[in-house]
């Protein structure tokens, strides 16, 4: 989650959960209750996280080099709402590569905020008229 401010074209905030010792990049577990999905009837989904403790690494290079950061919290909500067009690629099933999926064109609304000592940011809610919501299976879950 990068937040850029225009100050001479330089990045001044970089919110991310870090890089694990195993190399997993900027990924964090969230509670199951943060996600709700209804693909079968309405192609609707919601992903809501509130007051997630995270670090502001200030910029990408500092984050990549495990530099110092500032404690912060972020909150965000993404909502996908209804089928605009279903079966974008039809149901896909590729047994050779072990992949299956169904993809729906939807619209999506996103809101995002951050807070830390001396700084806070709240986005306006933005709606995009094109988003894709999908159900897919691969690897171990393919069968």
Protein backbone atom coordinates (compact mmCIF):
# COMPACT_ATOMS: atom_id res chain seq x y z
CA UNK A 1 0.00 0.00 0.00
CA UNK A 2 1.95 2.95 -1.25
CA UNK A 3 0.87 6.51 -0.67
CA UNK A 4 2.60 9.15 -2.71
CA UNK A 5 2.50 12.84 -1.92
CA UNK A 6 3.60 15.45 -4.38
CA UNK A 7 6.66 17.02 -2.79
CA UNK A 8 9.09 17.52 -5.60
CA UNK A 9 8.03 14.18 -7.08
CA UNK A 10 9.38 12.10 -4.19
CA UNK A 11 7.58 9.40 -2.26
CA UNK A 12 7.11 10.21 1.43
CA UNK A 13 4.92 7.31 2.65
CA UNK A 14 5.09 3.57 2.00
CA UNK A 15 2.73 1.48 4.13
CA UNK A 16 3.50 -2.21 4.02
CA UNK A 17 3.73 -5.22 6.36
CA UNK A 18 7.33 -5.90 5.37
CA UNK A 19 9.18 -8.80 3.82
CA UNK A 20 9.26 -12.10 5.72
CA UNK A 21 12.50 -13.99 6.33
CA UNK A 22 11.23 -16.50 3.75
CA UNK A 23 10.98 -13.72 1.16
CA UNK A 24 7.18 -13.35 1.07
CA UNK A 25 6.63 -9.77 -0.10
CA UNK A 26 4.13 -7.34 1.44
CA UNK A 27 1.54 -9.94 2.38
CA UNK A 28 -0.29 -10.18 5.68
CA UNK A 29 -3.00 -12.47 7.04
CA UNK A 30 -6.34 -10.83 7.75
CA UNK A 31 -9.28 -12.29 9.65
CA UNK A 32 -11.75 -14.36 7.62
CA UNK A 33 -14.41 -11.89 8.70
CA UNK A 34 -12.67 -9.21 6.57
CA UNK A 35 -13.83 -10.94 3.38
CA UNK A 36 -17.32 -11.87 2.20
CA UNK A 37 -18.10 -13.25 -1.25
CA UNK A 38 -21.26 -14.21 -3.15
CA UNK A 39 -20.21 -15.25 -6.63
CA UNK A 40 -23.00 -17.64 -7.44
CA UNK A 41 -26.00 -15.33 -7.15
CA UNK A 42 -24.81 -11.78 -7.49
CA UNK A 43 -21.05 -11.53 -8.09
CA UNK A 44 -20.66 -9.41 -4.99
CA UNK A 45 -17.72 -9.29 -2.64
CA UNK A 46 -16.40 -7.11 0.14
CA UNK A 47 -12.91 -6.78 1.63
CA UNK A 48 -12.81 -4.55 4.72
CA UNK A 49 -9.88 -4.04 7.09
CA UNK A 50 -10.00 -1.49 9.89
CA UNK A 51 -7.13 -0.12 11.98
CA UNK A 52 -4.52 -2.59 10.78
CA UNK A 53 -1.23 -1.99 12.60
CA UNK A 54 1.44 -1.52 9.97
CA UNK A 55 4.67 0.38 9.37
CA UNK A 56 5.25 3.46 7.23
CA UNK A 57 8.60 2.74 5.60
CA UNK A 58 8.61 6.22 3.97
CA UNK A 59 9.72 5.05 0.53
CA UNK A 60 10.20 1.90 -1.51
CA UNK A 61 14.00 1.76 -1.26
CA UNK A 62 13.90 2.07 2.54
CA UNK A 63 11.31 -0.73 2.66
CA UNK A 64 13.33 -3.01 0.37
CA UNK A 65 16.44 -2.50 2.53
CA UNK A 66 14.56 -3.10 5.82
CA UNK A 67 15.18 0.50 6.89
CA UNK A 68 13.54 2.22 9.86
CA UNK A 69 9.82 2.90 9.85
CA UNK A 70 7.11 4.61 11.85
CA UNK A 71 4.17 2.75 13.47
CA UNK A 72 0.92 3.47 11.65
CA UNK A 73 -2.56 2.09 11.06
CA UNK A 74 -4.43 1.72 7.79
CA UNK A 75 -8.05 1.01 6.98
CA UNK A 76 -9.62 0.18 3.65
CA UNK A 77 -12.82 -1.13 2.12
CA UNK A 78 -13.27 -2.56 -1.37
CA UNK A 79 -16.73 -3.52 -2.61
CA UNK A 80 -17.43 -5.34 -5.88
CA UNK A 81 -21.08 -4.97 -6.87
CA UNK A 82 -22.98 -7.18 -9.27
CA UNK A 83 -22.41 -8.61 -12.69
CA UNK A 84 -22.02 -6.12 -15.52
CA UNK A 85 -21.02 -8.88 -17.86
CA UNK A 86 -20.67 -12.51 -16.87
CA UNK A 87 -18.38 -15.19 -18.13
CA UNK A 88 -15.72 -12.82 -19.50
CA UNK A 89 -13.74 -15.76 -20.74
CA UNK A 90 -16.48 -18.30 -20.16
CA UNK A 91 -15.72 -20.88 -17.54
CA UNK A 92 -12.05 -21.70 -18.09
CA UNK A 93 -10.71 -25.18 -17.43
CA UNK A 94 -7.18 -26.10 -18.41
CA UNK A 95 -6.29 -29.59 -17.21
CA UNK A 96 -2.78 -29.41 -18.72
CA UNK A 97 -1.83 -26.51 -16.47
CA UNK A 98 -4.19 -27.39 -13.60
CA UNK A 99 -6.22 -24.19 -13.69
CA UNK A 100 -9.96 -23.47 -13.67
CA UNK A 101 -11.85 -20.24 -13.18
CA UNK A 102 -14.87 -18.11 -13.86
CA UNK A 103 -14.54 -14.37 -14.25
CA UNK A 104 -17.16 -11.62 -13.91
CA UNK A 105 -16.95 -7.97 -14.92
CA UNK A 106 -18.23 -5.81 -12.06
CA UNK A 107 -17.79 -2.31 -10.76
CA UNK A 108 -15.83 -1.68 -7.57
CA UNK A 109 -15.70 1.03 -4.90
CA UNK A 110 -12.61 1.66 -2.80
CA UNK A 111 -11.92 3.84 0.23
CA UNK A 112 -8.59 4.02 2.10
CA UNK A 113 -7.12 5.84 5.11
CA UNK A 114 -3.97 5.95 7.23
CA UNK A 115 -2.99 7.43 10.58
CA UNK A 116 0.35 7.89 12.32
CA UNK A 117 1.99 10.43 14.59
CA UNK A 118 1.81 13.80 12.83
CA UNK A 119 0.03 12.59 9.69
CA UNK A 120 -3.31 11.21 8.54
CA UNK A 121 -4.90 10.62 5.16
CA UNK A 122 -8.45 9.78 4.09
CA UNK A 123 -9.28 9.10 0.45
CA UNK A 124 -12.53 9.98 -1.16
CA UNK A 125 -14.45 6.86 -2.15
CA UNK A 126 -13.73 6.04 -5.76
CA UNK A 127 -15.92 3.87 -7.99
CA UNK A 128 -14.46 2.17 -11.02
CA UNK A 129 -16.80 0.96 -13.72
CA UNK A 130 -14.52 -1.92 -14.61
CA UNK A 131 -13.28 -4.52 -12.17
CA UNK A 132 -13.05 -8.29 -12.32
CA UNK A 133 -14.21 -10.67 -9.64
CA UNK A 134 -13.22 -14.30 -10.11
CA UNK A 135 -13.41 -17.76 -8.67
CA UNK A 136 -10.38 -19.86 -9.55
CA UNK A 137 -8.69 -23.08 -8.60
CA UNK A 138 -5.13 -24.12 -9.27
CA UNK A 139 -2.37 -26.29 -7.91
CA UNK A 140 -3.46 -28.56 -5.06
CA UNK A 141 -6.99 -27.08 -5.16
CA UNK A 142 -7.56 -27.73 -8.88
CA UNK A 143 -9.16 -31.15 -8.42
